[in-house]
Protein backbone atom coordinates (compact mmCIF):
# COMPACT_ATOMS: atom_id res chain seq x y z
CA MET A 1 53.83 -9.04 -4.03
CA ARG A 2 51.69 -8.33 -7.36
CA LYS A 3 52.38 -11.95 -8.04
CA SER A 4 51.27 -13.59 -4.88
CA ILE A 5 47.92 -11.35 -5.39
CA ILE A 6 47.14 -12.35 -8.70
CA ILE A 7 47.59 -15.91 -7.57
CA LEU A 8 45.16 -15.51 -4.65
CA ALA A 9 42.55 -14.15 -7.02
CA ALA A 10 43.37 -17.47 -9.40
CA LEU A 11 42.50 -19.41 -6.68
CA LEU A 12 39.46 -17.94 -5.48
CA VAL A 13 38.18 -17.96 -8.82
CA MET A 14 38.76 -22.01 -9.22
CA LEU A 15 37.56 -22.48 -5.93
CA SER A 16 34.54 -20.79 -7.38
CA VAL A 17 34.10 -22.60 -10.31
CA ASN A 18 32.79 -25.94 -7.84
CA ILE A 19 30.08 -23.25 -6.11
CA PHE A 20 28.32 -22.60 -9.56
CA ALA A 21 28.11 -25.76 -10.79
CA SER A 22 26.18 -27.02 -7.75
CA ASP A 23 23.28 -28.62 -7.28
CA ASP A 24 22.68 -28.82 -3.31
CA VAL A 25 19.60 -27.15 -2.09
CA GLY A 26 17.99 -27.85 0.65
CA THR A 27 21.21 -30.96 1.55
CA THR A 28 23.86 -28.68 3.99
CA GLY A 29 23.91 -28.44 7.57
CA ALA A 30 24.63 -26.26 10.52
CA ALA A 31 21.84 -24.09 8.57
CA PHE A 32 22.50 -20.75 12.04
CA LEU A 33 25.18 -20.18 9.76
CA LYS A 34 22.97 -18.73 6.95
CA ILE A 35 21.16 -16.31 9.34
CA ASP A 36 22.09 -12.46 8.65
CA ILE A 37 24.01 -11.15 11.86
CA GLY A 38 24.32 -7.22 12.36
CA ALA A 39 21.78 -4.57 12.15
CA ARG A 40 23.07 -2.65 9.58
CA PRO A 41 24.12 -5.13 6.87
CA ALA A 42 20.61 -6.25 7.41
CA GLY A 43 19.32 -3.00 7.04
CA LEU A 44 21.37 -2.73 3.63
CA GLY A 45 18.77 -5.94 2.36
CA ASP A 46 22.48 -8.27 3.50
CA CYS A 47 24.55 -6.01 0.89
CA PHE A 48 27.94 -5.89 2.88
CA VAL A 49 30.56 -8.06 1.01
CA GLY A 50 31.49 -4.79 -0.33
CA ILE A 51 31.04 -2.09 2.22
CA ALA A 52 32.71 -4.51 5.21
CA ASP A 53 34.06 -1.38 7.11
CA ASP A 54 33.07 -2.50 10.99
CA TYR A 55 33.01 -5.34 13.02
CA ASN A 56 30.43 -7.04 10.87
CA ALA A 57 33.37 -7.96 8.07
CA ILE A 58 33.93 -10.91 10.65
CA GLN A 59 31.10 -12.03 9.41
CA TRP A 60 31.07 -11.02 5.89
CA ASN A 61 34.08 -10.02 4.43
CA PRO A 62 37.20 -10.76 6.57
CA ALA A 63 39.28 -8.38 4.33
CA GLY A 64 37.19 -5.60 5.64
CA LEU A 65 39.13 -5.99 8.63
CA SER A 66 42.44 -4.37 7.32
CA PHE A 67 40.95 -0.83 7.07
CA ILE A 68 39.58 -0.20 10.56
CA GLU A 69 41.65 2.06 12.19
CA LYS A 70 40.14 2.25 16.11
CA GLY A 71 38.89 -1.61 18.20
CA GLN A 72 35.74 -2.35 18.40
CA VAL A 73 33.47 -4.07 20.48
CA ALA A 74 29.73 -5.03 19.58
CA PHE A 75 26.51 -6.78 20.94
CA ILE A 76 24.08 -8.29 18.49
CA ARG A 77 21.15 -9.69 18.88
CA THR A 78 18.13 -11.41 16.41
CA ASN A 79 14.54 -11.96 17.60
CA TRP A 80 14.72 -14.94 14.62
CA LEU A 81 11.41 -17.12 14.06
CA ALA A 82 9.27 -18.81 16.01
CA ASP A 83 10.32 -17.28 19.39
CA THR A 84 13.88 -18.25 19.01
CA SER A 85 16.69 -15.73 19.78
CA PHE A 86 20.29 -15.13 17.99
CA ASN A 87 22.99 -13.13 19.96
CA ALA A 88 26.59 -12.50 19.10
CA VAL A 89 29.53 -11.01 20.50
CA SER A 90 32.28 -9.35 17.95
CA PHE A 91 35.25 -7.54 18.79
CA ALA A 92 38.21 -6.68 16.35
CA TYR A 93 41.58 -4.56 17.08
CA PRO A 94 43.98 -2.92 14.55
CA PHE A 95 48.16 -3.79 15.67
CA ASN A 96 51.20 -3.07 13.39
CA PHE A 97 50.77 -6.25 12.28
CA GLY A 98 47.76 -6.31 11.11
CA THR A 99 43.81 -6.51 12.53
CA LEU A 100 42.80 -9.14 14.76
CA GLY A 101 38.74 -10.55 15.56
CA PHE A 102 36.65 -13.05 17.58
CA ASN A 103 33.19 -13.60 16.90
CA TRP A 104 30.98 -15.51 19.37
CA THR A 105 27.16 -16.90 18.03
CA SER A 106 24.49 -18.56 19.27
CA LEU A 107 21.09 -19.69 17.81
CA ASN A 108 18.71 -20.18 20.98
CA TYR A 109 15.76 -22.44 20.46
CA GLY A 110 13.97 -22.67 23.90
CA SER A 111 12.65 -25.21 25.90
CA ILE A 112 11.42 -28.00 24.39
CA ASP A 113 9.73 -31.25 25.34
CA GLY A 114 11.09 -34.51 24.76
CA TYR A 115 8.93 -37.67 23.73
CA ASP A 116 10.42 -41.64 23.70
CA ASN A 117 9.65 -43.62 20.68
CA TYR A 118 6.27 -44.52 22.60
CA GLY A 119 5.06 -41.29 23.51
CA ASN A 120 5.76 -41.36 26.56
CA PRO A 121 7.35 -37.51 28.13
CA THR A 122 11.41 -37.83 28.66
CA GLY A 123 11.44 -34.30 30.40
CA SER A 124 12.58 -30.81 28.38
CA PHE A 125 15.72 -30.34 26.33
CA THR A 126 17.47 -26.92 25.03
CA PRO A 127 18.65 -26.88 21.40
CA THR A 128 21.87 -25.36 20.95
CA ASP A 129 23.43 -24.29 17.81
CA THR A 130 27.15 -22.48 18.42
CA ALA A 131 30.43 -20.66 16.27
CA ILE A 132 33.05 -19.20 17.61
CA THR A 133 35.50 -17.53 14.74
CA LEU A 134 38.86 -15.76 15.27
CA SER A 135 39.90 -13.25 12.47
CA TYR A 136 43.29 -12.05 11.13
CA SER A 137 42.91 -9.35 7.81
CA LYS A 138 45.92 -7.35 6.37
CA GLU A 139 46.50 -4.38 3.89
CA LEU A 140 49.27 -6.32 1.76
CA ILE A 141 49.37 -3.44 -0.85
CA LYS A 142 48.08 0.10 -0.37
CA GLY A 143 44.54 -0.45 -0.60
CA PHE A 144 43.82 -4.16 -1.38
CA GLY A 145 43.18 -6.21 2.38
CA LEU A 146 42.68 -9.91 2.65
CA GLY A 147 41.22 -11.68 5.60
CA ILE A 148 40.67 -14.98 7.06
CA ASN A 149 38.69 -16.67 9.52
CA ILE A 150 38.90 -19.37 11.53
CA LYS A 151 36.01 -21.68 13.07
CA GLN A 152 34.65 -23.78 15.36
CA ILE A 153 31.63 -24.83 15.03
CA GLN A 154 28.73 -27.31 17.32
CA SER A 155 24.62 -28.31 17.60
CA LYS A 156 23.48 -30.15 19.93
CA ILE A 157 20.22 -31.56 20.25
CA GLU A 158 19.46 -33.81 23.35
CA SER A 159 22.10 -35.52 24.22
CA GLU A 160 23.26 -35.51 20.52
CA SER A 161 26.18 -33.43 19.18
CA ALA A 162 27.62 -32.66 15.77
CA SER A 163 30.67 -30.29 15.29
CA THR A 164 33.45 -29.34 12.76
CA GLN A 165 35.66 -26.57 11.39
CA ALA A 166 35.67 -24.27 9.28
CA PHE A 167 37.09 -21.13 7.39
CA ASP A 168 36.06 -17.75 5.45
CA LEU A 169 38.67 -16.49 2.79
CA GLY A 170 38.08 -12.53 1.63
CA VAL A 171 39.75 -9.99 -0.26
CA LEU A 172 38.78 -6.20 -0.27
CA TYR A 173 40.11 -3.74 -2.95
CA LYS A 174 39.38 0.43 -2.28
CA MET A 175 40.26 2.72 -4.90
CA GLU A 176 38.30 6.39 -6.07
CA ILE A 177 35.87 7.13 -9.23
CA SER A 178 35.51 10.56 -9.62
CA GLY A 179 36.86 11.10 -5.91
CA ASN A 180 34.24 9.12 -4.06
CA PRO A 181 35.29 6.23 -2.45
CA PHE A 182 34.77 2.92 -4.29
CA LYS A 183 35.06 -0.54 -3.17
CA LEU A 184 35.18 -4.18 -4.34
CA GLY A 185 34.76 -7.64 -1.99
CA PHE A 186 35.03 -10.83 -2.60
CA SER A 187 34.22 -14.08 -0.20
CA ILE A 188 34.11 -17.33 0.74
CA LEU A 189 32.02 -18.72 3.92
CA ASN A 190 32.06 -21.43 5.70
CA LEU A 191 34.54 -23.71 3.55
CA GLY A 192 34.84 -27.36 6.17
CA GLY A 193 34.08 -30.17 7.18
CA GLU A 194 30.69 -31.91 7.94
CA MET A 195 28.36 -32.02 10.52
CA LYS A 196 27.67 -35.95 11.82
CA PHE A 197 25.25 -36.54 13.80
CA ILE A 198 25.41 -40.46 14.98
CA GLU A 199 26.19 -41.57 10.93
CA GLU A 200 24.50 -39.21 9.01
CA GLY A 201 26.60 -36.08 8.00
CA ASP A 202 25.80 -33.18 5.99
CA PRO A 203 28.13 -30.13 4.81
CA LEU A 204 28.15 -27.04 5.39
CA PRO A 205 26.10 -23.98 3.91
CA THR A 206 28.91 -23.08 1.86
CA ASN A 207 28.60 -19.23 0.03
CA TYR A 208 30.49 -17.20 -2.77
CA LEU A 209 30.02 -13.37 -2.26
CA PHE A 210 30.60 -10.52 -4.59
CA GLY A 211 29.97 -7.39 -3.99
CA PHE A 212 31.05 -3.55 -4.51
CA SER A 213 29.68 -0.09 -2.75
CA TYR A 214 30.53 3.42 -4.04
CA MET A 215 30.01 6.61 -1.73
CA ILE A 216 27.71 8.19 -4.10
CA PHE A 217 27.90 11.68 -2.57
CA GLU A 218 30.08 13.13 0.66
CA ASN A 219 30.22 16.06 2.94
CA ASP A 220 30.40 17.39 6.60
CA SER A 221 27.06 16.70 6.50
CA HIS A 222 25.31 14.56 4.58
CA SER A 223 26.38 11.39 2.53
CA VAL A 224 24.85 8.25 0.73
CA LEU A 225 26.33 4.96 -0.01
CA GLY A 226 25.05 2.28 -2.66
CA ALA A 227 26.08 -1.23 -2.77
CA ILE A 228 25.11 -4.20 -4.49
CA ASP A 229 26.11 -7.42 -3.57
CA LEU A 230 25.42 -11.33 -6.07
CA SER A 231 25.76 -14.25 -4.16
CA LYS A 232 25.54 -18.47 -5.18
CA PRO A 233 25.13 -20.36 -1.53
CA THR A 234 25.06 -24.53 -2.32
CA ASP A 235 21.97 -24.46 -1.22
CA ASN A 236 19.89 -22.86 -2.99
CA ASP A 237 19.57 -20.25 -5.81
CA PHE A 238 21.55 -17.58 -7.29
CA ARG A 239 21.11 -13.71 -4.91
CA ALA A 240 21.15 -10.40 -5.83
CA ASN A 241 20.55 -7.74 -2.80
CA LEU A 242 20.53 -3.89 -2.99
CA GLY A 243 21.19 -1.50 -0.11
CA ILE A 244 21.02 2.27 0.70
CA GLU A 245 22.38 4.10 3.67
CA TYR A 246 21.96 8.30 4.45
CA GLY A 247 23.92 9.37 6.49
CA PHE A 248 23.44 12.73 8.37
CA LYS A 249 26.56 14.10 10.29
CA LYS A 250 28.30 10.76 10.79
CA MET A 251 25.79 10.44 13.30
CA LEU A 252 22.27 9.43 12.15
CA PHE A 253 22.12 6.88 9.49
CA PHE A 254 18.87 5.54 7.47
CA ARG A 255 19.07 2.31 5.82
CA VAL A 256 17.12 0.75 2.85
CA GLY A 257 17.21 -2.75 1.21
CA TYR A 258 16.00 -5.34 -0.84
CA LYS A 259 16.72 -8.45 -1.49
CA ALA A 260 16.15 -8.46 -5.21
CA ALA A 261 16.37 -11.87 -6.41
CA GLY A 262 16.81 -15.80 -4.53
CA TYR A 263 14.71 -15.25 -1.23
CA ASP A 264 11.55 -17.10 -0.96
CA ILE A 265 10.07 -15.12 1.98
CA GLU A 266 12.32 -12.16 2.81
CA ASP A 267 12.16 -9.01 0.31
CA ILE A 268 12.22 -5.45 2.20
CA THR A 269 14.39 -4.12 4.53
CA ALA A 270 14.76 -1.27 6.69
CA GLY A 271 17.07 0.49 9.51
CA LEU A 272 18.44 2.87 11.07
CA GLY A 273 21.78 3.79 13.08
CA PHE A 274 23.15 6.44 15.75
CA HIS A 275 26.64 6.78 16.24
CA TYR A 276 27.54 9.23 19.51
CA PRO A 277 30.81 10.91 19.63
CA LEU A 278 32.42 10.48 23.38
CA LYS A 279 35.69 12.05 23.38
CA ASN A 280 37.71 10.24 21.32
CA ASN A 281 35.88 6.72 21.32
CA ILE A 282 31.98 6.60 19.18
CA PHE A 283 29.07 4.70 21.04
CA GLY A 284 26.83 3.00 18.29
CA PHE A 285 23.25 1.61 18.14
CA ASP A 286 21.93 -0.17 15.34
CA TYR A 287 18.51 -1.28 14.07
CA ALA A 288 17.46 -3.44 11.49
CA PHE A 289 13.53 -4.36 10.38
CA GLY A 290 12.95 -6.94 7.75
CA LYS A 291 9.53 -8.03 6.20
CA MET A 292 9.66 -11.79 6.24
CA LYS A 293 6.16 -13.00 4.00
CA GLU A 294 3.39 -15.26 5.86
CA ILE A 295 5.63 -15.71 8.93
CA ASN A 296 6.59 -13.19 12.07
CA ASP A 297 8.75 -10.06 10.79
CA VAL A 298 12.38 -10.38 11.82
CA HIS A 299 13.57 -7.44 14.48
CA ARG A 300 17.76 -7.23 14.58
CA PHE A 301 19.71 -4.78 17.20
CA SER A 302 23.39 -4.00 17.75
CA VAL A 303 24.80 -1.92 20.35
CA SER A 304 28.80 -1.30 19.82
CA PHE A 305 31.71 0.75 20.66
CA GLU A 306 34.79 2.10 18.90
CA PHE A 307 37.70 2.80 21.67
C-alpha cells in the first residue's frame, strides 16, 4: 500500500511539471469552472484544499470526502457579476467501501437579445453553463485519503453547444502537531478535453492546488483554524491565499480571507456560519462576502443539512 501511495505521489508531481511550465494565460474555455463554489471556502479566501472536511471538498479536493462521518446535502447560490447567478447542489455520503459524492452546478446568464448579421433582432436566448460531477473517495491508510471526480461539462449559446468530460484528482493527509490537527492537501482540477464550438476548441481551465491547515487552538467553547493555499492555473499567474476561521461552541463561525497574490480584482473576503444541531443532525447556513475592485461585490449563500 505504501508503495502505491509513493507511485501516486510521483505521478501527481509529474503531471504538475507541465502545468507550472505552461503559459496559456486567457486561452481556456468553460470559464465558469473557475468560479468559487461554496460560502465557507469563499469566506476563507478560497483556502480549502488543506481543509476539505465537508461537502465543499467535491469542488476543491475530493480526497477530503474520505473522512466525513455522516451524509451531507447542500444548496449553494452565488450572486455573481453583472446580474448573473451561480447555483449548485452537492451531496455526499460515506459507505463501507468509501464515500460517494454528487454535484450539479449551473451558471445562469439571464435573457440576452439576439441579432442577425444585419442587426435585425432575432429574439432572446439564455446562455447556460452546466457541470455534473460524480465523486469517489477512500481512506487508503490511516490519515491518508485519495479522491477522484468525473465530470460532464456543457456550455450552450443560442443554437450552438459544446461539451466534454474531465476529471479531478486529490490527496489529503492528516496528522497532529503539538496535539492539534494538521492537514496537507493537493489536488488537480479539470483535467480533460476541449470545449469546442463549431470548429474552434479551447482547453479546460486546469488548476493545480496545494494547501495546508492547522487547528491553532481548540477547546469545548472556542476554536481557531488557519489555512494557506497555493495554486497555479494554466491560464493565470501563481496564486496565494490565506484564511482564518474562528468557531464558538461549534455553532457560530466567523471567517476572513485574503487573496494575497495572483488576483486582479479580488483581495479581501469575509463570512460567517451558523450550524445548529437537530437531534443527531445538523442544519447549517453559511454566508460569504467578496470585495471586488471597481465592479459589484459578490455574495454567496450555502444551506446544508448533515444527517
